[in-house]
Structures are given as structure tokens and as C-alpha cells.
Amino acid sequence: MAANPSVPSGQATLARIQNVENLLGINGAANALFRVLDANGMQRVRIGLLPNGDYGILFADTTGVVQELLPTYAASVAGLVTCVTNGGLFTTGPSVTAVIGASGKALVRISGFATNSNGANNGTVQLALGGANYGTTNGPYLTAAGTFTAGNQMSEEVLTGLTPGEITFQLWGSPAGTTPVTCSISKSTIVVQPI
């Protein structure tokens, strides 16, 4: 099959792309591949290489506040999963690896039916980041009721100060009581929206 003479190839194509970028004032891969400026010359939309080092879309308001448009990550497990006795990761529970943007922020939501095998109401299902318990101080958590009568629960928090890049989000069970206790969750879901 013969090459189409109207479509440049190799170095000629690269030279044309660079020429268009130079005409648009975006100077190659180190900057945006596409920008929208307002009447004052302020960048309002950027598509291409973002400050977080990844490619995507960035929006800015008139005050200069910027927001990266990043994908939402979610995982769920319909069946019952349990943590290790007396607390730890739900290793078979939902797990999400999300790419956190330059802001270091994400809205994280966890939900499900959480139970505690000793019948107490003070166990919790918490968030784990990178395999380590994040706790209940800054993150979302569910109360692990003694029976399923508590019904579905959902908790969400905006987490800040996260390290930009990939982070794995999992669930962590912290059952109540001193005797061997397990914490269980069913219909569990984790949703992570970098912001």
C-alpha cells in the first residue's frame, strides 16, 4: 500500500507540530499542548502536561485558583470479608490505587455493612493508605456495629497532605474488645476522587 503523500511523516511531521506549537506559544512538551486564555491573557484551561507531571486537563478561575480534572477510582466487593483477628487489613476487601495530583488532596468515600464479632458497637472500619492504618482522626471510618441491623453506612472526608503519585487505598478493621475479635464488612466500596 502506497503512502499518502499529503500526510508528512517522521521528522517532517515533528517539525510541523513544533512549528504549530511555537505559533501558539506553547513551546513543545515542556508546556501545555492546548491552552485557552481569557480576554486578560490569563490561562483558564490547559490540556497537556500538568504541574503534577502527568497529562490531563487543568481549569483556573479568575482568581487564579486551579483544579486538575483527574479520573475517579472505585472498587467494591459484594461478599463478606474480614480483617485479621484483633485488627488489620481487609486483604480480600476493596483496594484502589489512585494517582494523586499536585494538590495532594483527594475526596475519599467508604461504605458498607460493618460488624464486630463480639457484639460491641465501638469497633471501626477505617482507611489504610499504602498498607498502613490512616486512623479515624483525619480519615473516613464506619462504626462496626454488633449486628447488621445498623444498615448501610457511608463516610467521606477530604484528605490533604497526600504525596502526589500513586497511593493504594484499602480498608482496615479495628474491632473492639480484648478477646480475639474479628471485624467484618459486606457490600464494601472505596471511591477516591483526586481534587
N, C-alpha and C. Protein backbone atom coordinates (compact mmCIF):
# COMPACT_ATOMS: atom_id res chain seq x y z
N MET A 1 0.84 -1.17 0.00
CA MET A 1 0.00 0.00 0.00
C MET A 1 0.89 1.24 0.00
N ALA A 2 0.61 2.15 -0.90
CA ALA A 2 1.43 3.34 -1.06
C ALA A 2 1.13 4.34 0.04
N ALA A 3 2.16 5.08 0.46
CA ALA A 3 1.99 6.11 1.48
C ALA A 3 1.21 7.28 0.90
N ASN A 4 0.41 7.91 1.75
CA ASN A 4 -0.35 9.09 1.34
C ASN A 4 0.59 10.28 1.30
N PRO A 5 0.84 10.89 0.11
CA PRO A 5 1.81 11.98 0.02
C PRO A 5 1.36 13.25 0.75
N SER A 6 0.06 13.37 1.07
CA SER A 6 -0.41 14.57 1.76
C SER A 6 -0.20 14.51 3.27
N VAL A 7 0.19 13.34 3.78
CA VAL A 7 0.44 13.18 5.22
C VAL A 7 1.93 13.09 5.45
N PRO A 8 2.55 14.14 6.04
CA PRO A 8 4.00 14.09 6.28
C PRO A 8 4.35 13.03 7.32
N SER A 9 5.55 12.52 7.24
CA SER A 9 5.96 11.50 8.20
C SER A 9 7.30 11.86 8.82
N GLY A 10 7.63 11.14 9.90
CA GLY A 10 8.94 11.28 10.54
C GLY A 10 9.26 12.70 10.97
N GLN A 11 10.47 13.14 10.61
CA GLN A 11 10.96 14.45 11.03
C GLN A 11 10.11 15.59 10.50
N ALA A 12 9.53 15.42 9.29
CA ALA A 12 8.68 16.47 8.73
C ALA A 12 7.45 16.70 9.60
N THR A 13 6.85 15.61 10.10
CA THR A 13 5.67 15.73 10.98
C THR A 13 6.05 16.41 12.28
N LEU A 14 7.15 15.99 12.88
CA LEU A 14 7.60 16.59 14.13
C LEU A 14 7.87 18.07 13.95
N ALA A 15 8.50 18.45 12.83
CA ALA A 15 8.80 19.85 12.57
C ALA A 15 7.52 20.66 12.44
N ARG A 16 6.50 20.10 11.78
CA ARG A 16 5.22 20.82 11.64
C ARG A 16 4.54 20.98 12.99
N ILE A 17 4.55 19.93 13.83
CA ILE A 17 3.95 20.03 15.16
C ILE A 17 4.65 21.10 15.98
N GLN A 18 5.99 21.09 15.95
CA GLN A 18 6.75 22.08 16.70
C GLN A 18 6.47 23.49 16.19
N ASN A 19 6.33 23.63 14.87
CA ASN A 19 6.03 24.94 14.30
C ASN A 19 4.67 25.45 14.78
N VAL A 20 3.65 24.57 14.80
CA VAL A 20 2.32 24.96 15.28
C VAL A 20 2.39 25.33 16.76
N GLU A 21 3.11 24.53 17.56
CA GLU A 21 3.25 24.84 18.99
C GLU A 21 3.91 26.19 19.19
N ASN A 22 4.95 26.48 18.40
CA ASN A 22 5.64 27.76 18.51
C ASN A 22 4.71 28.91 18.13
N LEU A 23 3.91 28.74 17.07
CA LEU A 23 2.95 29.76 16.67
C LEU A 23 1.92 30.02 17.76
N LEU A 24 1.52 28.95 18.47
CA LEU A 24 0.54 29.08 19.54
C LEU A 24 1.18 29.52 20.86
N GLY A 25 2.51 29.56 20.90
CA GLY A 25 3.20 29.98 22.11
C GLY A 25 3.23 28.93 23.20
N ILE A 26 3.17 27.66 22.84
CA ILE A 26 3.16 26.63 23.87
C ILE A 26 4.42 25.79 23.88
N ASN A 27 5.35 26.01 22.96
CA ASN A 27 6.73 25.54 23.02
C ASN A 27 6.96 24.09 23.41
N GLY A 28 6.28 23.16 22.80
CA GLY A 28 6.62 21.75 22.95
C GLY A 28 6.14 21.10 24.23
N ALA A 29 6.73 19.94 24.52
CA ALA A 29 6.24 19.07 25.60
C ALA A 29 6.42 19.66 26.99
N ALA A 30 7.29 20.66 27.16
CA ALA A 30 7.50 21.22 28.49
C ALA A 30 6.31 22.05 28.95
N ASN A 31 5.39 22.37 28.04
CA ASN A 31 4.24 23.20 28.38
C ASN A 31 2.96 22.51 27.98
N ALA A 32 1.89 23.30 27.91
CA ALA A 32 0.60 22.74 27.54
C ALA A 32 0.58 22.41 26.06
N LEU A 33 -0.22 21.42 25.70
CA LEU A 33 -0.44 21.13 24.29
C LEU A 33 -1.58 21.97 23.75
N PHE A 34 -2.43 22.50 24.64
CA PHE A 34 -3.55 23.35 24.26
C PHE A 34 -3.89 24.25 25.44
N ARG A 35 -4.12 25.53 25.19
CA ARG A 35 -4.49 26.45 26.26
C ARG A 35 -5.64 27.34 25.80
N VAL A 36 -6.45 27.77 26.75
CA VAL A 36 -7.48 28.77 26.50
C VAL A 36 -7.18 29.93 27.44
N LEU A 37 -7.03 31.12 26.84
CA LEU A 37 -6.76 32.32 27.62
C LEU A 37 -8.00 33.20 27.61
N ASP A 38 -8.25 33.92 28.72
CA ASP A 38 -9.38 34.85 28.74
C ASP A 38 -8.94 36.18 28.11
N ALA A 39 -9.82 37.17 28.11
CA ALA A 39 -9.54 38.46 27.47
C ALA A 39 -8.35 39.17 28.10
N ASN A 40 -8.02 38.84 29.34
CA ASN A 40 -6.88 39.45 30.03
C ASN A 40 -5.59 38.67 29.84
N GLY A 41 -5.63 37.61 29.03
CA GLY A 41 -4.44 36.81 28.79
C GLY A 41 -4.16 35.78 29.87
N MET A 42 -5.10 35.59 30.80
CA MET A 42 -4.92 34.61 31.88
C MET A 42 -5.33 33.22 31.40
N GLN A 43 -4.47 32.24 31.68
CA GLN A 43 -4.77 30.86 31.29
C GLN A 43 -5.94 30.34 32.11
N ARG A 44 -7.02 29.91 31.42
CA ARG A 44 -8.20 29.41 32.09
C ARG A 44 -8.35 27.90 31.92
N VAL A 45 -7.88 27.34 30.80
CA VAL A 45 -7.92 25.91 30.55
C VAL A 45 -6.58 25.49 29.97
N ARG A 46 -6.09 24.35 30.41
CA ARG A 46 -4.83 23.81 29.90
C ARG A 46 -5.02 22.32 29.68
N ILE A 47 -4.66 21.87 28.51
CA ILE A 47 -4.70 20.44 28.20
C ILE A 47 -3.29 20.04 27.80
N GLY A 48 -2.75 19.04 28.46
CA GLY A 48 -1.38 18.60 28.17
C GLY A 48 -0.64 18.28 29.44
N LEU A 49 0.62 18.65 29.50
CA LEU A 49 1.45 18.38 30.66
C LEU A 49 1.04 19.29 31.81
N LEU A 50 0.70 18.70 32.96
CA LEU A 50 0.23 19.45 34.11
C LEU A 50 1.34 19.62 35.14
N PRO A 51 1.15 20.52 36.12
CA PRO A 51 2.18 20.70 37.16
C PRO A 51 2.53 19.43 37.93
N ASN A 52 1.58 18.44 37.98
CA ASN A 52 1.87 17.20 38.72
C ASN A 52 2.74 16.24 37.91
N GLY A 53 3.12 16.64 36.68
CA GLY A 53 3.98 15.80 35.85
C GLY A 53 3.23 14.83 34.97
N ASP A 54 1.91 14.77 35.11
CA ASP A 54 1.09 13.89 34.29
C ASP A 54 0.38 14.72 33.25
N TYR A 55 -0.24 14.06 32.28
CA TYR A 55 -1.01 14.76 31.27
C TYR A 55 -2.48 14.74 31.65
N GLY A 56 -3.18 15.81 31.35
CA GLY A 56 -4.60 15.90 31.68
C GLY A 56 -5.14 17.26 31.36
N ILE A 57 -6.17 17.66 32.13
CA ILE A 57 -6.84 18.94 31.93
C ILE A 57 -6.80 19.72 33.24
N LEU A 58 -6.53 21.02 33.13
CA LEU A 58 -6.48 21.90 34.28
C LEU A 58 -7.38 23.10 33.99
N PHE A 59 -8.18 23.49 34.99
CA PHE A 59 -9.04 24.66 34.87
C PHE A 59 -8.59 25.69 35.90
N ALA A 60 -8.75 26.98 35.57
CA ALA A 60 -8.43 28.05 36.52
C ALA A 60 -9.57 29.05 36.54
N ASP A 61 -9.89 29.58 37.74
CA ASP A 61 -10.92 30.62 37.79
C ASP A 61 -10.25 31.98 37.68
N THR A 62 -11.02 33.03 37.76
CA THR A 62 -10.49 34.38 37.56
C THR A 62 -9.57 34.83 38.69
N THR A 63 -9.60 34.13 39.83
CA THR A 63 -8.71 34.49 40.94
C THR A 63 -7.39 33.72 40.91
N GLY A 64 -7.27 32.80 39.94
CA GLY A 64 -6.05 32.00 39.84
C GLY A 64 -6.10 30.66 40.53
N VAL A 65 -7.24 30.32 41.15
CA VAL A 65 -7.40 29.00 41.78
C VAL A 65 -7.51 27.97 40.67
N VAL A 66 -6.69 26.90 40.75
CA VAL A 66 -6.68 25.89 39.69
C VAL A 66 -7.23 24.57 40.20
N GLN A 67 -7.78 23.80 39.28
CA GLN A 67 -8.33 22.48 39.58
C GLN A 67 -7.94 21.55 38.45
N GLU A 68 -7.25 20.46 38.78
CA GLU A 68 -6.94 19.45 37.78
C GLU A 68 -8.13 18.52 37.65
N LEU A 69 -8.48 18.17 36.44
CA LEU A 69 -9.52 17.18 36.20
C LEU A 69 -8.85 15.82 36.15
N LEU A 70 -9.05 15.04 37.18
CA LEU A 70 -8.39 13.74 37.32
C LEU A 70 -9.43 12.64 37.38
N PRO A 71 -9.08 11.42 36.98
CA PRO A 71 -10.06 10.34 37.00
C PRO A 71 -10.47 9.93 38.42
N THR A 72 -11.69 9.42 38.53
CA THR A 72 -12.19 8.86 39.78
C THR A 72 -11.87 7.37 39.79
N TYR A 73 -11.45 6.86 40.93
CA TYR A 73 -11.10 5.44 41.09
C TYR A 73 -12.07 4.81 42.06
N ALA A 74 -12.55 3.62 41.77
CA ALA A 74 -13.50 2.95 42.66
C ALA A 74 -13.32 1.45 42.60
N ALA A 75 -13.63 0.79 43.71
CA ALA A 75 -13.63 -0.68 43.78
C ALA A 75 -14.67 -1.09 44.81
N SER A 76 -15.27 -2.26 44.59
CA SER A 76 -16.24 -2.77 45.57
C SER A 76 -16.16 -4.28 45.62
N VAL A 77 -16.60 -4.81 46.76
CA VAL A 77 -16.68 -6.26 46.96
C VAL A 77 -18.07 -6.53 47.53
N ALA A 78 -18.85 -7.35 46.85
CA ALA A 78 -20.23 -7.61 47.28
C ALA A 78 -20.29 -8.51 48.51
N GLY A 79 -19.43 -9.53 48.57
CA GLY A 79 -19.49 -10.52 49.65
C GLY A 79 -18.87 -10.05 50.94
N LEU A 80 -18.96 -10.91 51.94
CA LEU A 80 -18.43 -10.63 53.28
C LEU A 80 -16.93 -10.86 53.31
N VAL A 81 -16.18 -9.89 53.84
CA VAL A 81 -14.74 -10.04 54.03
C VAL A 81 -14.43 -9.67 55.48
N THR A 82 -13.37 -10.26 56.02
CA THR A 82 -12.99 -9.99 57.42
C THR A 82 -11.54 -9.56 57.50
N CYS A 83 -11.25 -8.81 58.56
CA CYS A 83 -9.86 -8.43 58.82
C CYS A 83 -9.22 -9.54 59.65
N VAL A 84 -7.93 -9.46 59.86
CA VAL A 84 -7.26 -10.43 60.70
C VAL A 84 -7.74 -10.25 62.14
N THR A 85 -7.62 -11.30 62.96
CA THR A 85 -8.09 -11.23 64.34
C THR A 85 -7.43 -10.07 65.07
N ASN A 86 -8.26 -9.34 65.78
CA ASN A 86 -7.84 -8.16 66.56
C ASN A 86 -7.28 -7.03 65.71
N GLY A 87 -7.68 -6.98 64.45
CA GLY A 87 -7.41 -5.78 63.65
C GLY A 87 -6.37 -5.94 62.59
N GLY A 88 -6.56 -5.21 61.51
CA GLY A 88 -5.61 -5.20 60.41
C GLY A 88 -6.32 -5.01 59.09
N LEU A 89 -5.58 -5.22 58.01
CA LEU A 89 -6.11 -5.01 56.67
C LEU A 89 -7.17 -6.03 56.29
N PHE A 90 -8.15 -5.59 55.53
CA PHE A 90 -9.07 -6.49 54.85
C PHE A 90 -8.38 -6.85 53.54
N THR A 91 -7.56 -7.89 53.55
CA THR A 91 -6.72 -8.19 52.38
C THR A 91 -7.53 -8.63 51.18
N THR A 92 -8.74 -9.12 51.37
CA THR A 92 -9.58 -9.50 50.24
C THR A 92 -10.67 -8.47 49.99
N GLY A 93 -10.62 -7.37 50.72
CA GLY A 93 -11.61 -6.31 50.54
C GLY A 93 -11.27 -5.42 49.36
N PRO A 94 -12.05 -4.37 49.15
CA PRO A 94 -11.78 -3.50 48.01
C PRO A 94 -10.44 -2.79 48.16
N SER A 95 -9.77 -2.62 47.04
CA SER A 95 -8.48 -1.94 47.00
C SER A 95 -8.44 -1.07 45.75
N VAL A 96 -8.01 0.16 45.90
CA VAL A 96 -7.94 1.11 44.78
C VAL A 96 -6.57 1.76 44.79
N THR A 97 -5.89 1.74 43.67
CA THR A 97 -4.65 2.51 43.51
C THR A 97 -4.99 3.73 42.67
N ALA A 98 -4.87 4.91 43.28
CA ALA A 98 -5.24 6.17 42.64
C ALA A 98 -4.00 7.02 42.43
N VAL A 99 -4.01 7.83 41.38
CA VAL A 99 -2.94 8.79 41.12
C VAL A 99 -3.37 10.13 41.71
N ILE A 100 -2.65 10.58 42.73
CA ILE A 100 -2.95 11.83 43.40
C ILE A 100 -2.22 12.96 42.70
N GLY A 101 -2.94 14.06 42.48
CA GLY A 101 -2.38 15.20 41.76
C GLY A 101 -1.45 16.04 42.62
N ALA A 102 -1.00 17.15 42.02
CA ALA A 102 -0.04 18.03 42.68
C ALA A 102 -0.59 18.66 43.95
N SER A 103 -1.91 18.78 44.07
CA SER A 103 -2.51 19.39 45.26
C SER A 103 -2.34 18.53 46.51
N GLY A 104 -2.13 17.21 46.32
CA GLY A 104 -2.03 16.30 47.46
C GLY A 104 -3.36 16.08 48.16
N LYS A 105 -4.47 16.32 47.44
CA LYS A 105 -5.80 16.19 48.04
C LYS A 105 -6.63 15.15 47.30
N ALA A 106 -7.54 14.51 48.04
CA ALA A 106 -8.50 13.58 47.44
C ALA A 106 -9.73 13.49 48.32
N LEU A 107 -10.89 13.41 47.69
CA LEU A 107 -12.13 13.11 48.39
C LEU A 107 -12.24 11.60 48.41
N VAL A 108 -12.32 11.00 49.61
CA VAL A 108 -12.37 9.55 49.74
C VAL A 108 -13.66 9.16 50.45
N ARG A 109 -14.38 8.20 49.85
CA ARG A 109 -15.64 7.71 50.42
C ARG A 109 -15.52 6.21 50.63
N ILE A 110 -15.92 5.74 51.82
CA ILE A 110 -16.01 4.30 52.08
C ILE A 110 -17.44 3.99 52.52
N SER A 111 -17.90 2.80 52.17
CA SER A 111 -19.26 2.43 52.57
C SER A 111 -19.37 0.92 52.70
N GLY A 112 -20.42 0.47 53.38
CA GLY A 112 -20.70 -0.95 53.53
C GLY A 112 -21.42 -1.25 54.82
N PHE A 113 -21.69 -2.56 55.06
CA PHE A 113 -22.22 -3.07 56.32
C PHE A 113 -21.02 -3.54 57.13
N ALA A 114 -20.72 -2.90 58.26
CA ALA A 114 -19.58 -3.29 59.08
C ALA A 114 -20.08 -3.93 60.37
N THR A 115 -19.45 -5.05 60.77
CA THR A 115 -19.83 -5.72 62.03
C THR A 115 -18.60 -6.09 62.83
N ASN A 116 -18.84 -6.30 64.12
CA ASN A 116 -17.79 -6.63 65.07
C ASN A 116 -18.20 -7.93 65.76
N SER A 117 -17.36 -8.95 65.77
CA SER A 117 -17.80 -10.28 66.22
C SER A 117 -18.12 -10.38 67.71
N ASN A 118 -17.67 -9.42 68.53
CA ASN A 118 -18.01 -9.52 69.95
C ASN A 118 -19.31 -8.81 70.29
N GLY A 119 -20.02 -8.30 69.29
CA GLY A 119 -21.32 -7.67 69.53
C GLY A 119 -21.24 -6.24 70.02
N ALA A 120 -20.04 -5.71 70.18
CA ALA A 120 -19.91 -4.32 70.64
C ALA A 120 -20.14 -3.36 69.47
N ASN A 121 -20.47 -2.13 69.80
CA ASN A 121 -20.73 -1.14 68.78
C ASN A 121 -19.57 -0.18 68.57
N ASN A 122 -18.45 -0.43 69.20
CA ASN A 122 -17.38 0.57 69.14
C ASN A 122 -16.19 0.15 68.30
N GLY A 123 -16.28 -0.93 67.53
CA GLY A 123 -15.24 -1.23 66.57
C GLY A 123 -15.40 -0.31 65.37
N THR A 124 -14.37 -0.21 64.54
CA THR A 124 -14.46 0.65 63.36
C THR A 124 -13.84 -0.02 62.14
N VAL A 125 -14.30 0.40 60.98
CA VAL A 125 -13.64 0.09 59.71
C VAL A 125 -13.07 1.40 59.23
N GLN A 126 -11.75 1.42 59.07
CA GLN A 126 -11.05 2.65 58.74
C GLN A 126 -10.39 2.52 57.38
N LEU A 127 -9.70 3.58 56.99
CA LEU A 127 -8.99 3.61 55.73
C LEU A 127 -7.53 3.26 55.96
N ALA A 128 -6.94 2.53 55.02
CA ALA A 128 -5.50 2.27 55.06
C ALA A 128 -4.89 2.84 53.78
N LEU A 129 -3.79 3.57 53.92
CA LEU A 129 -3.09 4.13 52.77
C LEU A 129 -1.74 3.44 52.66
N GLY A 130 -1.48 2.85 51.50
CA GLY A 130 -0.22 2.16 51.29
C GLY A 130 0.01 1.05 52.30
N GLY A 131 -1.07 0.41 52.78
CA GLY A 131 -0.95 -0.70 53.72
C GLY A 131 -0.86 -0.30 55.17
N ALA A 132 -0.87 1.01 55.47
CA ALA A 132 -0.77 1.47 56.86
C ALA A 132 -2.08 2.10 57.29
N ASN A 133 -2.50 1.84 58.53
CA ASN A 133 -3.75 2.38 59.05
C ASN A 133 -3.70 3.90 59.09
N TYR A 134 -4.70 4.54 58.50
CA TYR A 134 -4.79 6.01 58.49
C TYR A 134 -5.51 6.52 59.73
N GLY A 135 -6.27 5.65 60.39
CA GLY A 135 -6.94 6.02 61.63
C GLY A 135 -8.24 6.77 61.41
N THR A 136 -8.85 7.21 62.53
CA THR A 136 -10.14 7.89 62.46
C THR A 136 -10.01 9.39 62.67
N THR A 137 -8.82 9.88 62.96
CA THR A 137 -8.66 11.31 63.25
C THR A 137 -8.90 12.17 62.02
N ASN A 138 -8.30 11.80 60.90
CA ASN A 138 -8.39 12.62 59.69
C ASN A 138 -9.13 11.96 58.55
N GLY A 139 -9.41 10.68 58.66
CA GLY A 139 -10.00 9.97 57.53
C GLY A 139 -11.40 9.47 57.80
N PRO A 140 -12.07 8.98 56.76
CA PRO A 140 -13.41 8.43 56.94
C PRO A 140 -13.35 7.09 57.67
N TYR A 141 -14.42 6.77 58.41
CA TYR A 141 -14.49 5.46 59.06
C TYR A 141 -15.95 5.09 59.28
N LEU A 142 -16.19 3.79 59.44
CA LEU A 142 -17.52 3.26 59.71
C LEU A 142 -17.51 2.63 61.09
N THR A 143 -18.61 2.76 61.83
CA THR A 143 -18.74 2.10 63.12
C THR A 143 -19.09 0.64 62.87
N ALA A 144 -18.34 -0.27 63.47
CA ALA A 144 -18.59 -1.71 63.30
C ALA A 144 -19.60 -2.15 64.35
N ALA A 145 -20.88 -2.11 64.02
CA ALA A 145 -21.94 -2.48 64.95
C ALA A 145 -21.92 -3.99 65.19
N GLY A 146 -22.54 -4.42 66.27
CA GLY A 146 -22.56 -5.83 66.62
C GLY A 146 -23.41 -6.68 65.70
N THR A 147 -24.37 -6.09 65.05
CA THR A 147 -25.23 -6.83 64.12
C THR A 147 -25.41 -5.99 62.85
N PHE A 148 -26.00 -6.61 61.85
CA PHE A 148 -26.23 -5.89 60.60
C PHE A 148 -27.42 -4.95 60.69
N THR A 149 -28.07 -4.86 61.84
CA THR A 149 -29.25 -4.02 61.94
C THR A 149 -28.93 -2.54 61.76
N ALA A 150 -27.67 -2.18 61.88
CA ALA A 150 -27.30 -0.77 61.69
C ALA A 150 -27.49 -0.35 60.24
N GLY A 151 -27.50 -1.29 59.32
CA GLY A 151 -27.71 -0.98 57.90
C GLY A 151 -26.47 -0.43 57.23
N ASN A 152 -26.65 -0.02 55.98
CA ASN A 152 -25.55 0.55 55.22
C ASN A 152 -25.03 1.80 55.89
N GLN A 153 -23.72 1.98 55.83
CA GLN A 153 -23.09 3.19 56.34
C GLN A 153 -22.18 3.74 55.25
N MET A 154 -21.99 5.06 55.29
CA MET A 154 -21.08 5.71 54.36
C MET A 154 -20.39 6.85 55.09
N SER A 155 -19.10 7.02 54.81
CA SER A 155 -18.35 8.11 55.41
C SER A 155 -17.39 8.64 54.36
N GLU A 156 -17.22 9.96 54.32
CA GLU A 156 -16.28 10.55 53.36
C GLU A 156 -15.57 11.73 53.99
N GLU A 157 -14.35 11.92 53.55
CA GLU A 157 -13.52 13.03 54.02
C GLU A 157 -12.64 13.51 52.87
N VAL A 158 -12.27 14.79 52.91
CA VAL A 158 -11.25 15.31 52.00
C VAL A 158 -9.91 15.12 52.71
N LEU A 159 -9.06 14.27 52.14
CA LEU A 159 -7.73 14.05 52.72
C LEU A 159 -6.76 15.04 52.09
N THR A 160 -5.91 15.62 52.90
CA THR A 160 -4.92 16.59 52.43
C THR A 160 -3.53 16.12 52.81
N GLY A 161 -2.53 16.71 52.21
CA GLY A 161 -1.15 16.37 52.53
C GLY A 161 -0.70 15.03 52.01
N LEU A 162 -1.44 14.48 51.04
CA LEU A 162 -1.05 13.20 50.44
C LEU A 162 0.13 13.42 49.50
N THR A 163 0.97 12.42 49.36
CA THR A 163 2.10 12.51 48.44
C THR A 163 1.61 12.34 47.02
N PRO A 164 1.86 13.31 46.14
CA PRO A 164 1.43 13.15 44.74
C PRO A 164 2.02 11.88 44.13
N GLY A 165 1.22 11.25 43.29
CA GLY A 165 1.62 10.00 42.66
C GLY A 165 0.67 8.89 43.06
N GLU A 166 1.08 7.64 42.86
CA GLU A 166 0.20 6.50 43.13
C GLU A 166 0.14 6.17 44.63
N ILE A 167 -1.08 6.01 45.13
CA ILE A 167 -1.31 5.58 46.52
C ILE A 167 -2.39 4.49 46.48
N THR A 168 -2.17 3.41 47.24
CA THR A 168 -3.17 2.34 47.33
C THR A 168 -4.04 2.57 48.56
N PHE A 169 -5.35 2.59 48.34
CA PHE A 169 -6.35 2.78 49.39
C PHE A 169 -7.02 1.44 49.66
N GLN A 170 -7.05 1.02 50.93
CA GLN A 170 -7.69 -0.23 51.35
C GLN A 170 -8.50 0.03 52.62
N LEU A 171 -9.19 -1.01 53.09
CA LEU A 171 -9.92 -0.91 54.35
C LEU A 171 -9.14 -1.59 55.46
N TRP A 172 -9.28 -1.07 56.68
CA TRP A 172 -8.57 -1.56 57.87
C TRP A 172 -9.60 -1.78 58.96
N GLY A 173 -9.64 -2.96 59.55
CA GLY A 173 -10.59 -3.25 60.62
C GLY A 173 -9.95 -3.04 61.98
N SER A 174 -10.64 -2.33 62.86
CA SER A 174 -10.19 -2.14 64.23
C SER A 174 -11.32 -2.56 65.17
N PRO A 175 -11.42 -3.87 65.47
CA PRO A 175 -12.52 -4.34 66.32
C PRO A 175 -12.32 -3.94 67.77
N ALA A 176 -13.43 -3.92 68.48
CA ALA A 176 -13.40 -3.60 69.91
C ALA A 176 -13.20 -4.87 70.72
N GLY A 177 -12.71 -4.73 71.92
CA GLY A 177 -12.60 -5.87 72.83
C GLY A 177 -11.20 -6.40 72.94
N THR A 178 -10.94 -7.14 74.00
CA THR A 178 -9.61 -7.68 74.26
C THR A 178 -9.51 -9.16 73.91
N THR A 179 -10.63 -9.86 73.85
CA THR A 179 -10.60 -11.27 73.44
C THR A 179 -10.47 -11.31 71.92
N PRO A 180 -10.08 -12.44 71.33
CA PRO A 180 -9.95 -12.49 69.88
C PRO A 180 -11.24 -12.07 69.17
N VAL A 181 -11.14 -11.02 68.41
CA VAL A 181 -12.31 -10.40 67.77
C VAL A 181 -11.97 -10.16 66.31
N THR A 182 -12.96 -10.36 65.45
CA THR A 182 -12.77 -10.01 64.03
C THR A 182 -13.78 -8.95 63.64
N CYS A 183 -13.40 -8.18 62.69
CA CYS A 183 -14.25 -7.13 62.14
C CYS A 183 -14.58 -7.55 60.72
N SER A 184 -15.85 -7.48 60.35
CA SER A 184 -16.28 -7.90 59.02
C SER A 184 -17.00 -6.77 58.32
N ILE A 185 -16.98 -6.83 56.99
CA ILE A 185 -17.72 -5.84 56.21
C ILE A 185 -18.25 -6.53 54.96
N SER A 186 -19.46 -6.18 54.56
CA SER A 186 -20.02 -6.69 53.31
C SER A 186 -20.51 -5.51 52.49
N LYS A 187 -20.68 -5.75 51.19
CA LYS A 187 -21.09 -4.70 50.26
C LYS A 187 -20.19 -3.48 50.41
N SER A 188 -18.88 -3.72 50.50
CA SER A 188 -17.94 -2.64 50.79
C SER A 188 -17.48 -1.95 49.50
N THR A 189 -17.27 -0.63 49.61
CA THR A 189 -16.86 0.18 48.46
C THR A 189 -15.87 1.24 48.92
N ILE A 190 -14.88 1.51 48.08
CA ILE A 190 -13.98 2.65 48.24
C ILE A 190 -14.07 3.47 46.95
N VAL A 191 -14.26 4.78 47.09
CA VAL A 191 -14.25 5.69 45.94
C VAL A 191 -13.24 6.77 46.25
N VAL A 192 -12.30 7.02 45.34
CA VAL A 192 -11.26 8.03 45.51
C VAL A 192 -11.35 9.02 44.35
N GLN A 193 -11.56 10.29 44.67
CA GLN A 193 -11.59 11.34 43.65
C GLN A 193 -10.49 12.36 43.97
N PRO A 194 -9.34 12.27 43.28
CA PRO A 194 -8.31 13.30 43.48
C PRO A 194 -8.87 14.67 43.14
N ILE A 195 -8.54 15.66 43.93
CA ILE A 195 -9.04 17.03 43.69
C ILE A 195 -7.90 18.03 43.74
